[in-house]
Amino acid sequence: MIKSTKDFIQVLKNIDKNNLNPLYIVNCEQSYIIDQFIEKFKSMIPIELKSFNQFVFYDHDSKAEDILSVANNYPLAGDLQIIIVRTADKMINKFELFQKFIDKSSNHCVILLCLNGKKIDKRKKTVFSSARLIEVQKIYNNQLSDWIVHIGKENNLNFNYEIVEIIKERTGNNLSKVSNEIKKISLMNHHGFSEKELIYKYFGINNEYNIFELQKELGNKNYISAFRISKYFSENSKKYPPQLIFASLHNYFLNLFQIKSNIKLNYTEISSLTGIYQQFILDDFRKISNNYSLREIVNILGLIKVYDAKSKGLKKDKYYDSELLQFISEIKT
């Protein structure tokens, strides 16, 4: 099970061209991760042999029998052919056919079945014991920072905590969107801008009024600045919807709670708990956590829950744009 970028990188490294399984099943709801595995397998076929030895199928217009017919043919040139089946959820129902292929495999063909986060009954996982099943855990918001840093490095960009939070705010946890936006930013990198300047320039972000700045000012208990930013958000609620603000603040203070309540854990242990594997981000949270007691953090999380529910219409009282300022006032007291 892939639970982090470290797991992801290690699994990719372990896929050795000289020691391949006949069948791989990648199960992930993130198309970015699936695409990375597809590119890994495609890279095993030389460019001049791709038209002969590389095949891509989609299960909505392909049959398992047809795919396996191709798999059973020997390469016209070279010694390996790769078959990739995108959106292969339905193929799993005909796994017995793939089992026959595995049983008589002669290492001349590798099949990659890509599932879109399909839930696999644990009792049936033994059926896939002869295949290499690679499952990817759902990526939660508290794990997104690590993926943003990883994708940034893949594009020769080094992001600090501020940049990571801004990208997270603008893209959400869709890694394909994250990757696409970072690639576009990377293309601007020949103008001599710093990473921070690139991000602010590309996203058109106000240097003072963004959710990261609000988190930072609240973390440091700079309530005057927090009021000023919140007032701007309240006056521009279409651009900064309260649901987005409260969701971000919840993740922020939840990380503070986990770190504050487990202060004796080392980096490895706290990383496993929070899903944050970048030390510079953990260091920032450790520093900020000293500004609050556990009781204060718990109270803030409770307030966020109340105001978030109100902003979503889950409370009888109507939500007004000025509620964000009221929320800051309650934190201060």
C-alpha atoms as a PDB file:
ATOM      1  CA  MET A   1       0.000   0.000   0.000  1.00  0.00           C
ATOM      2  CA  ILE A   2       1.374   3.395  -1.033  1.00  0.00           C
ATOM      3  CA  LYS A   3       0.721   5.910   1.744  1.00  0.00           C
ATOM      4  CA  SER A   4       3.256   8.648   1.006  1.00  0.00           C
ATOM      5  CA  THR A   5       5.542  10.088  -1.654  1.00  0.00           C
ATOM      6  CA  LYS A   6       8.395   8.024  -0.165  1.00  0.00           C
ATOM      7  CA  ASP A   7       6.393   4.848  -0.714  1.00  0.00           C
ATOM      8  CA  PHE A   8       5.503   5.984  -4.234  1.00  0.00           C
ATOM      9  CA  ILE A   9       9.103   6.717  -5.216  1.00  0.00           C
ATOM     10  CA  GLN A  10      10.310   3.418  -3.749  1.00  0.00           C
ATOM     11  CA  VAL A  11       7.672   1.348  -5.561  1.00  0.00           C
ATOM     12  CA  LEU A  12       8.593   2.997  -8.875  1.00  0.00           C
ATOM     13  CA  LYS A  13      12.271   2.252  -8.238  1.00  0.00           C
ATOM     14  CA  ASN A  14      11.480  -1.376  -7.447  1.00  0.00           C
ATOM     15  CA  ILE A  15       9.928  -1.942 -10.866  1.00  0.00           C
ATOM     16  CA  ASP A  16      13.012  -3.413 -12.515  1.00  0.00           C
ATOM     17  CA  LYS A  17      12.979  -4.120 -16.254  1.00  0.00           C
ATOM     18  CA  ASN A  18      15.120  -7.200 -15.682  1.00  0.00           C
ATOM     19  CA  ASN A  19      12.815  -8.670 -13.041  1.00  0.00           C
ATOM     20  CA  LEU A  20       9.239  -7.923 -14.084  1.00  0.00           C
ATOM     21  CA  ASN A  21       6.015  -9.612 -13.086  1.00  0.00           C
ATOM     22  CA  PRO A  22       3.767 -10.632 -15.987  1.00  0.00           C
ATOM     23  CA  LEU A  23       0.840  -8.637 -14.555  1.00  0.00           C
ATOM     24  CA  TYR A  24       0.671  -5.400 -12.561  1.00  0.00           C
ATOM     25  CA  ILE A  25      -2.515  -3.906 -11.152  1.00  0.00           C
ATOM     26  CA  VAL A  26      -2.349  -0.259 -10.071  1.00  0.00           C
ATOM     27  CA  ASN A  27      -5.371   0.859  -8.079  1.00  0.00           C
ATOM     28  CA  CYS A  28      -5.567   4.611  -7.469  1.00  0.00           C
ATOM     29  CA  GLU A  29      -8.167   7.359  -7.757  1.00  0.00           C
ATOM     30  CA  GLN A  30      -5.507   9.933  -8.691  1.00  0.00           C
ATOM     31  CA  SER A  31      -4.900   9.974 -12.452  1.00  0.00           C
ATOM     32  CA  TYR A  32      -1.525  11.706 -11.894  1.00  0.00           C
ATOM     33  CA  ILE A  33      -0.157   8.664 -10.031  1.00  0.00           C
ATOM     34  CA  ILE A  34      -1.572   6.248 -12.591  1.00  0.00           C
ATOM     35  CA  ASP A  35       0.070   8.289 -15.358  1.00  0.00           C
ATOM     36  CA  GLN A  36       3.422   8.055 -13.568  1.00  0.00           C
ATOM     37  CA  PHE A  37       3.216   4.264 -13.539  1.00  0.00           C
ATOM     38  CA  ILE A  38       2.169   4.236 -17.194  1.00  0.00           C
ATOM     39  CA  GLU A  39       5.161   6.384 -18.132  1.00  0.00           C
ATOM     40  CA  LYS A  40       7.428   4.074 -16.122  1.00  0.00           C
ATOM     41  CA  PHE A  41       6.320   1.056 -18.141  1.00  0.00           C
ATOM     42  CA  LYS A  42       6.361   2.934 -21.444  1.00  0.00           C
ATOM     43  CA  SER A  43       9.983   3.917 -20.821  1.00  0.00           C
ATOM     44  CA  MET A  44      10.978   0.240 -20.985  1.00  0.00           C
ATOM     45  CA  ILE A  45      10.321   0.098 -24.723  1.00  0.00           C
ATOM     46  CA  PRO A  46      12.852   1.879 -26.987  1.00  0.00           C
ATOM     47  CA  ILE A  47      11.360   4.648 -29.150  1.00  0.00           C
ATOM     48  CA  GLU A  48      12.069   2.781 -32.363  1.00  0.00           C
ATOM     49  CA  LEU A  49      10.133  -0.281 -31.117  1.00  0.00           C
ATOM     50  CA  LYS A  50       7.106   1.442 -29.570  1.00  0.00           C
ATOM     51  CA  SER A  51       4.872   0.975 -32.631  1.00  0.00           C
ATOM     52  CA  PHE A  52       5.586  -2.786 -32.480  1.00  0.00           C
ATOM     53  CA  ASN A  53       5.823  -3.538 -28.776  1.00  0.00           C
ATOM     54  CA  GLN A  54       3.686  -0.975 -26.939  1.00  0.00           C
ATOM     55  CA  PHE A  55      -0.114  -1.233 -26.800  1.00  0.00           C
ATOM     56  CA  VAL A  56      -2.660   0.920 -24.966  1.00  0.00           C
ATOM     57  CA  PHE A  57      -6.252  -0.244 -24.454  1.00  0.00           C
ATOM     58  CA  TYR A  58      -9.337   1.191 -22.767  1.00  0.00           C
ATOM     59  CA  ASP A  59     -11.706  -1.308 -21.191  1.00  0.00           C
ATOM     60  CA  HIS A  60     -14.849   0.492 -22.430  1.00  0.00           C
ATOM     61  CA  ASP A  61     -14.014  -0.477 -26.009  1.00  0.00           C
ATOM     62  CA  SER A  62     -11.817  -3.557 -25.462  1.00  0.00           C
ATOM     63  CA  LYS A  63     -12.361  -7.149 -24.395  1.00  0.00           C
ATOM     64  CA  ALA A  64     -10.088  -9.105 -22.091  1.00  0.00           C
ATOM     65  CA  GLU A  65      -9.910 -11.869 -24.707  1.00  0.00           C
ATOM     66  CA  ASP A  66      -8.609  -9.433 -27.358  1.00  0.00           C
ATOM     67  CA  ILE A  67      -6.001  -7.973 -24.998  1.00  0.00           C
ATOM     68  CA  LEU A  68      -4.749 -11.414 -24.023  1.00  0.00           C
ATOM     69  CA  SER A  69      -4.622 -12.445 -27.678  1.00  0.00           C
ATOM     70  CA  VAL A  70      -2.104  -9.632 -28.238  1.00  0.00           C
ATOM     71  CA  ALA A  71      -0.255 -10.558 -25.033  1.00  0.00           C
ATOM     72  CA  ASN A  72       0.213 -14.141 -26.177  1.00  0.00           C
ATOM     73  CA  ASN A  73       1.954 -13.037 -29.390  1.00  0.00           C
ATOM     74  CA  TYR A  74       5.724 -12.770 -29.278  1.00  0.00           C
ATOM     75  CA  PRO A  75       7.331  -9.387 -30.088  1.00  0.00           C
ATOM     76  CA  LEU A  76       8.150  -8.824 -33.759  1.00  0.00           C
ATOM     77  CA  ALA A  77      11.359  -7.114 -32.647  1.00  0.00           C
ATOM     78  CA  GLY A  78      13.111  -6.828 -29.323  1.00  0.00           C
ATOM     79  CA  ASP A  79      12.405  -9.081 -26.355  1.00  0.00           C
ATOM     80  CA  LEU A  80       9.579  -7.333 -24.481  1.00  0.00           C
ATOM     81  CA  GLN A  81       6.171  -5.898 -25.177  1.00  0.00           C
ATOM     82  CA  ILE A  82       4.122  -3.757 -22.814  1.00  0.00           C
ATOM     83  CA  ILE A  83       0.322  -3.729 -22.729  1.00  0.00           C
ATOM     84  CA  ILE A  84      -1.387  -0.928 -20.795  1.00  0.00           C
ATOM     85  CA  VAL A  85      -5.105  -1.027 -20.029  1.00  0.00           C
ATOM     86  CA  ARG A  86      -6.490   2.276 -18.796  1.00  0.00           C
ATOM     87  CA  THR A  87      -9.705   2.379 -16.728  1.00  0.00           C
ATOM     88  CA  ALA A  88      -9.524  -1.395 -16.388  1.00  0.00           C
ATOM     89  CA  ASP A  89     -12.083  -1.764 -13.585  1.00  0.00           C
ATOM     90  CA  LYS A  90     -14.270  -4.172 -15.551  1.00  0.00           C
ATOM     91  CA  MET A  91     -11.300  -6.364 -16.461  1.00  0.00           C
ATOM     92  CA  ILE A  92     -10.957  -7.496 -12.848  1.00  0.00           C
ATOM     93  CA  ASN A  93     -14.187  -9.462 -13.244  1.00  0.00           C
ATOM     94  CA  LYS A  94     -12.404 -11.635 -15.813  1.00  0.00           C
ATOM     95  CA  PHE A  95      -9.260 -12.155 -13.787  1.00  0.00           C
ATOM     96  CA  GLU A  96      -9.349 -15.912 -14.388  1.00  0.00           C
ATOM     97  CA  LEU A  97      -8.394 -15.201 -18.016  1.00  0.00           C
ATOM     98  CA  PHE A  98      -5.411 -13.137 -16.895  1.00  0.00           C
ATOM     99  CA  GLN A  99      -4.488 -15.908 -14.471  1.00  0.00           C
ATOM    100  CA  LYS A 100      -4.080 -18.286 -17.425  1.00  0.00           C
ATOM    101  CA  PHE A 101      -1.780 -15.730 -19.056  1.00  0.00           C
ATOM    102  CA  ILE A 102       0.309 -15.516 -15.875  1.00  0.00           C
ATOM    103  CA  ASP A 103       0.547 -19.302 -15.579  1.00  0.00           C
ATOM    104  CA  LYS A 104       2.050 -19.728 -19.033  1.00  0.00           C
ATOM    105  CA  SER A 105       3.955 -16.435 -19.190  1.00  0.00           C
ATOM    106  CA  SER A 106       7.389 -16.594 -20.804  1.00  0.00           C
ATOM    107  CA  ASN A 107       8.555 -13.090 -19.774  1.00  0.00           C
ATOM    108  CA  HIS A 108       7.989 -11.661 -23.252  1.00  0.00           C
ATOM    109  CA  CYS A 109       5.020  -9.491 -22.226  1.00  0.00           C
ATOM    110  CA  VAL A 110       3.947  -7.378 -19.251  1.00  0.00           C
ATOM    111  CA  ILE A 111       0.370  -6.198 -18.725  1.00  0.00           C
ATOM    112  CA  LEU A 112      -0.487  -3.129 -16.643  1.00  0.00           C
ATOM    113  CA  LEU A 113      -4.114  -2.853 -15.515  1.00  0.00           C
ATOM    114  CA  CYS A 114      -5.052   0.614 -14.194  1.00  0.00           C
ATOM    115  CA  LEU A 115      -7.988   0.833 -11.786  1.00  0.00           C
ATOM    116  CA  ASN A 116      -9.570   4.133 -10.792  1.00  0.00           C
ATOM    117  CA  GLY A 117      -9.641   3.599  -7.052  1.00  0.00           C
ATOM    118  CA  LYS A 118     -11.906   0.555  -7.305  1.00  0.00           C
ATOM    119  CA  LYS A 119     -12.746  -0.977  -3.947  1.00  0.00           C
ATOM    120  CA  ILE A 120     -11.410  -4.525  -3.865  1.00  0.00           C
ATOM    121  CA  ASP A 121     -12.960  -6.962  -1.416  1.00  0.00           C
ATOM    122  CA  LYS A 122     -10.183  -7.994   0.989  1.00  0.00           C
ATOM    123  CA  ARG A 123     -11.441 -11.568   0.808  1.00  0.00           C
ATOM    124  CA  LYS A 124     -10.760 -11.557  -2.934  1.00  0.00           C
ATOM    125  CA  LYS A 125      -7.275 -10.087  -2.746  1.00  0.00           C
ATOM    126  CA  THR A 126      -5.828 -13.594  -2.589  1.00  0.00           C
ATOM    127  CA  VAL A 127      -7.068 -13.985  -6.176  1.00  0.00           C
ATOM    128  CA  PHE A 128      -4.462 -11.409  -7.191  1.00  0.00           C
ATOM    129  CA  SER A 129      -1.612 -13.070  -5.306  1.00  0.00           C
ATOM    130  CA  SER A 130       0.062 -14.057  -8.569  1.00  0.00           C
ATOM    131  CA  ALA A 131      -0.122 -10.470  -9.836  1.00  0.00           C
ATOM    132  CA  ARG A 132       1.650  -7.399  -8.463  1.00  0.00           C
ATOM    133  CA  LEU A 133      -1.147  -5.397  -6.836  1.00  0.00           C
ATOM    134  CA  ILE A 134      -0.175  -1.784  -6.124  1.00  0.00           C
ATOM    135  CA  GLU A 135      -2.779   0.105  -4.130  1.00  0.00           C
ATOM    136  CA  VAL A 136      -2.554   3.808  -3.336  1.00  0.00           C
ATOM    137  CA  GLN A 137      -4.183   5.167  -0.213  1.00  0.00           C
ATOM    138  CA  LYS A 138      -6.542   8.094  -0.693  1.00  0.00           C
ATOM    139  CA  ILE A 139      -4.616  11.353  -0.459  1.00  0.00           C
ATOM    140  CA  TYR A 140      -6.012  13.538   2.298  1.00  0.00           C
ATOM    141  CA  ASN A 141      -5.479  17.287   2.642  1.00  0.00           C
ATOM    142  CA  ASN A 142      -2.895  16.876   5.392  1.00  0.00           C
ATOM    143  CA  GLN A 143      -0.763  14.750   3.013  1.00  0.00           C
ATOM    144  CA  LEU A 144      -1.039  17.097   0.049  1.00  0.00           C
ATOM    145  CA  SER A 145       1.915  19.290   1.046  1.00  0.00           C
ATOM    146  CA  ASP A 146       4.349  16.429   0.597  1.00  0.00           C
ATOM    147  CA  TRP A 147       3.022  15.689  -2.895  1.00  0.00           C
ATOM    148  CA  ILE A 148       3.291  19.355  -3.904  1.00  0.00           C
ATOM    149  CA  VAL A 149       6.932  19.453  -2.782  1.00  0.00           C
ATOM    150  CA  HIS A 150       7.619  16.211  -4.674  1.00  0.00           C
ATOM    151  CA  ILE A 151       5.995  17.417  -7.908  1.00  0.00           C
ATOM    152  CA  GLY A 152       7.820  20.742  -7.558  1.00  0.00           C
ATOM    153  CA  LYS A 153      11.184  18.959  -7.335  1.00  0.00           C
ATOM    154  CA  GLU A 154      10.260  16.898 -10.408  1.00  0.00           C
ATOM    155  CA  ASN A 155       9.968  20.242 -12.224  1.00  0.00           C
ATOM    156  CA  ASN A 156      13.200  21.678 -10.740  1.00  0.00           C
ATOM    157  CA  LEU A 157      11.360  23.965  -8.325  1.00  0.00           C
ATOM    158  CA  ASN A 158      11.991  24.118  -4.573  1.00  0.00           C
ATOM    159  CA  PHE A 159       8.967  25.187  -2.551  1.00  0.00           C
ATOM    160  CA  ASN A 160       8.905  26.488   1.006  1.00  0.00           C
ATOM    161  CA  TYR A 161       5.930  26.145   3.336  1.00  0.00           C
ATOM    162  CA  GLU A 162       4.301  29.393   2.186  1.00  0.00           C
ATOM    163  CA  ILE A 163       4.404  28.379  -1.481  1.00  0.00           C
ATOM    164  CA  VAL A 164       3.080  24.914  -0.701  1.00  0.00           C
ATOM    165  CA  GLU A 165       0.090  26.369   1.158  1.00  0.00           C
ATOM    166  CA  ILE A 166      -0.701  28.789  -1.669  1.00  0.00           C
ATOM    167  CA  ILE A 167      -0.605  26.043  -4.306  1.00  0.00           C
ATOM    168  CA  LYS A 168      -2.768  23.842  -2.082  1.00  0.00           C
ATOM    169  CA  GLU A 169      -5.275  26.675  -1.710  1.00  0.00           C
ATOM    170  CA  ARG A 170      -5.485  27.162  -5.481  1.00  0.00           C
ATOM    171  CA  THR A 171      -5.535  23.555  -6.683  1.00  0.00           C
ATOM    172  CA  GLY A 172      -7.082  21.344  -4.006  1.00  0.00           C
ATOM    173  CA  ASN A 173      -6.012  17.704  -3.763  1.00  0.00           C
ATOM    174  CA  ASN A 174      -6.281  16.855  -7.467  1.00  0.00           C
ATOM    175  CA  LEU A 175      -2.662  15.902  -8.203  1.00  0.00           C
ATOM    176  CA  SER A 176      -3.158  16.171 -11.969  1.00  0.00           C
ATOM    177  CA  LYS A 177      -4.211  19.786 -11.523  1.00  0.00           C
ATOM    178  CA  VAL A 178      -1.312  20.367  -9.139  1.00  0.00           C
ATOM    179  CA  SER A 179       1.107  18.894 -11.686  1.00  0.00           C
ATOM    180  CA  ASN A 180      -0.319  20.881 -14.603  1.00  0.00           C
ATOM    181  CA  GLU A 181      -0.128  24.171 -12.705  1.00  0.00           C
ATOM    182  CA  ILE A 182       3.420  23.504 -11.499  1.00  0.00           C
ATOM    183  CA  LYS A 183       4.525  22.619 -15.051  1.00  0.00           C
ATOM    184  CA  LYS A 184       3.152  25.941 -16.293  1.00  0.00           C
ATOM    185  CA  ILE A 185       4.946  27.766 -13.494  1.00  0.00           C
ATOM    186  CA  SER A 186       8.157  25.923 -14.343  1.00  0.00           C
ATOM    187  CA  LEU A 187       7.961  27.191 -17.933  1.00  0.00           C
ATOM    188  CA  MET A 188       8.166  30.755 -16.581  1.00  0.00           C
ATOM    189  CA  ASN A 189      11.335  29.964 -14.684  1.00  0.00           C
ATOM    190  CA  HIS A 190      13.683  31.343 -17.345  1.00  0.00           C
ATOM    191  CA  HIS A 191      12.944  34.957 -16.402  1.00  0.00           C
ATOM    192  CA  GLY A 192      15.070  34.917 -13.256  1.00  0.00           C
ATOM    193  CA  PHE A 193      12.185  35.026 -10.769  1.00  0.00           C
ATOM    194  CA  SER A 194      12.352  33.285  -7.406  1.00  0.00           C
ATOM    195  CA  GLU A 195       9.884  30.467  -6.775  1.00  0.00           C
ATOM    196  CA  LYS A 196       7.797  32.767  -4.579  1.00  0.00           C
ATOM    197  CA  GLU A 197       7.716  35.496  -7.240  1.00  0.00           C
ATOM    198  CA  LEU A 198       6.711  32.912  -9.855  1.00  0.00           C
ATOM    199  CA  ILE A 199       3.828  31.648  -7.747  1.00  0.00           C
ATOM    200  CA  TYR A 200       2.515  35.111  -6.870  1.00  0.00           C
ATOM    201  CA  LYS A 201       2.888  36.289 -10.453  1.00  0.00           C
ATOM    202  CA  TYR A 202       1.269  33.213 -11.988  1.00  0.00           C
ATOM    203  CA  PHE A 203      -1.690  32.976  -9.621  1.00  0.00           C
ATOM    204  CA  GLY A 204      -2.145  36.747  -9.347  1.00  0.00           C
ATOM    205  CA  ILE A 205      -2.088  36.522  -5.561  1.00  0.00           C
ATOM    206  CA  ASN A 206      -2.216  39.514  -3.254  1.00  0.00           C
ATOM    207  CA  ASN A 207       0.904  39.480  -1.081  1.00  0.00           C
ATOM    208  CA  GLU A 208      -1.067  40.336   2.038  1.00  0.00           C
ATOM    209  CA  TYR A 209      -4.496  38.792   1.550  1.00  0.00           C
ATOM    210  CA  ASN A 210      -4.417  35.043   1.146  1.00  0.00           C
ATOM    211  CA  ILE A 211      -5.336  32.095   3.338  1.00  0.00           C
ATOM    212  CA  PHE A 212      -1.711  31.273   4.102  1.00  0.00           C
ATOM    213  CA  GLU A 213      -1.223  34.767   5.566  1.00  0.00           C
ATOM    214  CA  LEU A 214      -4.344  34.321   7.694  1.00  0.00           C
ATOM    215  CA  GLN A 215      -3.044  30.989   9.009  1.00  0.00           C
ATOM    216  CA  LYS A 216       0.345  32.515   9.734  1.00  0.00           C
ATOM    217  CA  GLU A 217      -1.066  35.515  11.604  1.00  0.00           C
ATOM    218  CA  LEU A 218      -3.421  33.333  13.656  1.00  0.00           C
ATOM    219  CA  GLY A 219      -0.595  30.903  14.387  1.00  0.00           C
ATOM    220  CA  ASN A 220       1.493  33.779  15.729  1.00  0.00           C
ATOM    221  CA  LYS A 221      -1.524  35.318  17.509  1.00  0.00           C
ATOM    222  CA  ASN A 222      -1.208  38.519  15.490  1.00  0.00           C
ATOM    223  CA  TYR A 223      -4.910  39.232  15.763  1.00  0.00           C
ATOM    224  CA  ILE A 224      -4.810  42.760  14.333  1.00  0.00           C
ATOM    225  CA  SER A 225      -3.391  41.411  11.059  1.00  0.00           C
ATOM    226  CA  ALA A 226      -5.799  38.463  11.195  1.00  0.00           C
ATOM    227  CA  PHE A 227      -8.745  40.894  11.526  1.00  0.00           C
ATOM    228  CA  ARG A 228      -7.489  42.919   8.566  1.00  0.00           C
ATOM    229  CA  ILE A 229      -7.173  39.838   6.337  1.00  0.00           C
ATOM    230  CA  SER A 230     -10.549  38.484   7.500  1.00  0.00           C
ATOM    231  CA  LYS A 231     -12.210  41.803   6.712  1.00  0.00           C
ATOM    232  CA  TYR A 232     -10.825  41.596   3.171  1.00  0.00           C
ATOM    233  CA  PHE A 233     -12.092  38.031   2.822  1.00  0.00           C
ATOM    234  CA  SER A 234     -15.527  39.053   4.125  1.00  0.00           C
ATOM    235  CA  GLU A 235     -15.728  41.814   1.547  1.00  0.00           C
ATOM    236  CA  ASN A 236     -14.653  39.411  -1.215  1.00  0.00           C
ATOM    237  CA  SER A 237     -16.546  36.265  -0.207  1.00  0.00           C
ATOM    238  CA  LYS A 238     -17.063  35.098  -3.803  1.00  0.00           C
ATOM    239  CA  LYS A 239     -13.313  34.949  -4.323  1.00  0.00           C
ATOM    240  CA  TYR A 240     -12.693  33.602  -0.811  1.00  0.00           C
ATOM    241  CA  PRO A 241     -15.693  31.420   0.119  1.00  0.00           C
ATOM    242  CA  PRO A 242     -15.931  30.768   3.877  1.00  0.00           C
ATOM    243  CA  GLN A 243     -16.152  26.999   3.305  1.00  0.00           C
ATOM    244  CA  LEU A 244     -12.656  27.060   1.779  1.00  0.00           C
ATOM    245  CA  ILE A 245     -11.291  29.266   4.563  1.00  0.00           C
ATOM    246  CA  PHE A 246     -12.678  27.134   7.393  1.00  0.00           C
ATOM    247  CA  ALA A 247     -11.528  23.897   5.725  1.00  0.00           C
ATOM    248  CA  SER A 248      -7.987  25.282   5.469  1.00  0.00           C
ATOM    249  CA  LEU A 249      -8.019  26.534   9.053  1.00  0.00           C
ATOM    250  CA  HIS A 250      -9.317  23.180  10.264  1.00  0.00           C
ATOM    251  CA  ASN A 251      -6.433  21.306   8.601  1.00  0.00           C
ATOM    252  CA  TYR A 252      -3.960  23.849   9.957  1.00  0.00           C
ATOM    253  CA  PHE A 253      -5.109  23.630  13.593  1.00  0.00           C
ATOM    254  CA  LEU A 254      -5.584  19.859  13.356  1.00  0.00           C
ATOM    255  CA  ASN A 255      -1.894  19.559  12.451  1.00  0.00           C
ATOM    256  CA  LEU A 256      -1.043  21.826  15.393  1.00  0.00           C
ATOM    257  CA  PHE A 257      -3.133  19.597  17.675  1.00  0.00           C
ATOM    258  CA  GLN A 258      -1.456  16.384  16.489  1.00  0.00           C
ATOM    259  CA  ILE A 259       2.022  17.846  16.931  1.00  0.00           C
ATOM    260  CA  LYS A 260       1.268  19.542  20.265  1.00  0.00           C
ATOM    261  CA  SER A 261      -0.291  16.396  21.741  1.00  0.00           C
ATOM    262  CA  ASN A 262       2.575  14.180  20.548  1.00  0.00           C
ATOM    263  CA  ILE A 263       5.496  16.477  21.250  1.00  0.00           C
ATOM    264  CA  LYS A 264       7.768  13.599  22.343  1.00  0.00           C
ATOM    265  CA  LEU A 265       7.524  11.750  19.025  1.00  0.00           C
ATOM    266  CA  ASN A 266      10.493  11.894  16.652  1.00  0.00           C
ATOM    267  CA  TYR A 267      10.215  13.114  13.053  1.00  0.00           C
ATOM    268  CA  THR A 268       9.525   9.681  11.601  1.00  0.00           C
ATOM    269  CA  GLU A 269       6.744   8.981  14.088  1.00  0.00           C
ATOM    270  CA  ILE A 270       5.098  12.389  13.740  1.00  0.00           C
ATOM    271  CA  SER A 271       5.338  12.144   9.945  1.00  0.00           C
ATOM    272  CA  SER A 272       3.469   8.839   9.996  1.00  0.00           C
ATOM    273  CA  LEU A 273       0.826  10.392  12.239  1.00  0.00           C
ATOM    274  CA  THR A 274       0.288  13.630  10.302  1.00  0.00           C
ATOM    275  CA  GLY A 275       1.120  12.480   6.774  1.00  0.00           C
ATOM    276  CA  ILE A 276       3.642  15.360   6.532  1.00  0.00           C
ATOM    277  CA  TYR A 277       7.100  14.125   5.518  1.00  0.00           C
ATOM    278  CA  GLN A 278       8.845  17.435   4.812  1.00  0.00           C
ATOM    279  CA  GLN A 279      10.937  18.377   7.835  1.00  0.00           C
ATOM    280  CA  PHE A 280      10.781  22.132   7.157  1.00  0.00           C
ATOM    281  CA  ILE A 281       6.964  22.006   7.325  1.00  0.00           C
ATOM    282  CA  LEU A 282       7.017  19.994  10.547  1.00  0.00           C
ATOM    283  CA  ASP A 283       9.550  22.418  12.039  1.00  0.00           C
ATOM    284  CA  ASP A 284       7.195  25.307  11.285  1.00  0.00           C
ATOM    285  CA  PHE A 285       4.280  23.538  12.951  1.00  0.00           C
ATOM    286  CA  ARG A 286       6.403  22.640  15.992  1.00  0.00           C
ATOM    287  CA  LYS A 287       7.412  26.278  16.399  1.00  0.00           C
ATOM    288  CA  ILE A 288       3.858  27.600  16.042  1.00  0.00           C
ATOM    289  CA  SER A 289       2.462  24.953  18.417  1.00  0.00           C
ATOM    290  CA  ASN A 290       4.425  26.599  21.235  1.00  0.00           C
ATOM    291  CA  ASN A 291       2.112  29.608  20.953  1.00  0.00           C
ATOM    292  CA  TYR A 292      -0.946  27.605  21.998  1.00  0.00           C
ATOM    293  CA  SER A 293      -1.995  25.267  24.770  1.00  0.00           C
ATOM    294  CA  LEU A 294      -3.802  22.057  23.879  1.00  0.00           C
ATOM    295  CA  ARG A 295      -6.993  23.450  25.379  1.00  0.00           C
ATOM    296  CA  GLU A 296      -6.791  26.531  23.164  1.00  0.00           C
ATOM    297  CA  ILE A 297      -6.300  24.410  20.034  1.00  0.00           C
ATOM    298  CA  VAL A 298      -9.211  22.128  20.942  1.00  0.00           C
ATOM    299  CA  ASN A 299     -11.454  25.165  21.517  1.00  0.00           C
ATOM    300  CA  ILE A 300     -10.457  26.644  18.151  1.00  0.00           C
ATOM    301  CA  LEU A 301     -11.191  23.355  16.361  1.00  0.00           C
ATOM    302  CA  GLY A 302     -14.612  23.351  18.028  1.00  0.00           C
ATOM    303  CA  LEU A 303     -15.296  26.916  16.866  1.00  0.00           C
ATOM    304  CA  ILE A 304     -14.205  26.087  13.330  1.00  0.00           C
ATOM    305  CA  LYS A 305     -16.621  23.156  13.281  1.00  0.00           C
ATOM    306  CA  VAL A 306     -19.514  25.417  14.356  1.00  0.00           C
ATOM    307  CA  TYR A 307     -18.788  28.204  11.873  1.00  0.00           C
ATOM    308  CA  ASP A 308     -18.045  25.760   9.046  1.00  0.00           C
ATOM    309  CA  ALA A 309     -21.398  24.038   9.569  1.00  0.00           C
ATOM    310  CA  LYS A 310     -23.131  27.426   9.633  1.00  0.00           C
ATOM    311  CA  SER A 311     -21.439  28.501   6.372  1.00  0.00           C
ATOM    312  CA  LYS A 312     -22.702  25.286   4.742  1.00  0.00           C
ATOM    313  CA  GLY A 313     -26.277  25.910   5.820  1.00  0.00           C
ATOM    314  CA  LEU A 314     -26.247  23.089   8.381  1.00  0.00           C
ATOM    315  CA  LYS A 315     -27.359  25.415  11.173  1.00  0.00           C
ATOM    316  CA  LYS A 316     -30.671  27.236  11.551  1.00  0.00           C
ATOM    317  CA  ASP A 317     -28.971  30.626  11.805  1.00  0.00           C
ATOM    318  CA  LYS A 318     -28.096  32.341   8.545  1.00  0.00           C
ATOM    319  CA  TYR A 319     -24.400  32.818   7.780  1.00  0.00           C
ATOM    320  CA  TYR A 320     -23.286  36.406   7.151  1.00  0.00           C
ATOM    321  CA  ASP A 321     -19.995  37.506   5.603  1.00  0.00           C
ATOM    322  CA  SER A 322     -19.084  39.244   8.861  1.00  0.00           C
ATOM    323  CA  GLU A 323     -19.144  35.888  10.683  1.00  0.00           C
ATOM    324  CA  LEU A 324     -15.462  35.360   9.875  1.00  0.00           C
ATOM    325  CA  LEU A 325     -14.621  38.473  11.913  1.00  0.00           C
ATOM    326  CA  GLN A 326     -16.782  37.143  14.733  1.00  0.00           C
ATOM    327  CA  PHE A 327     -14.856  33.862  14.558  1.00  0.00           C
ATOM    328  CA  ILE A 328     -11.539  35.715  14.952  1.00  0.00           C
ATOM    329  CA  SER A 329     -12.986  37.636  17.927  1.00  0.00           C
ATOM    330  CA  GLU A 330     -13.932  34.406  19.678  1.00  0.00           C
ATOM    331  CA  ILE A 331     -10.442  32.980  19.125  1.00  0.00           C
ATOM    332  CA  LYS A 332      -8.895  36.107  20.608  1.00  0.00           C
ATOM    333  CA  THR A 333     -10.963  35.906  23.746  1.00  0.00           C
END
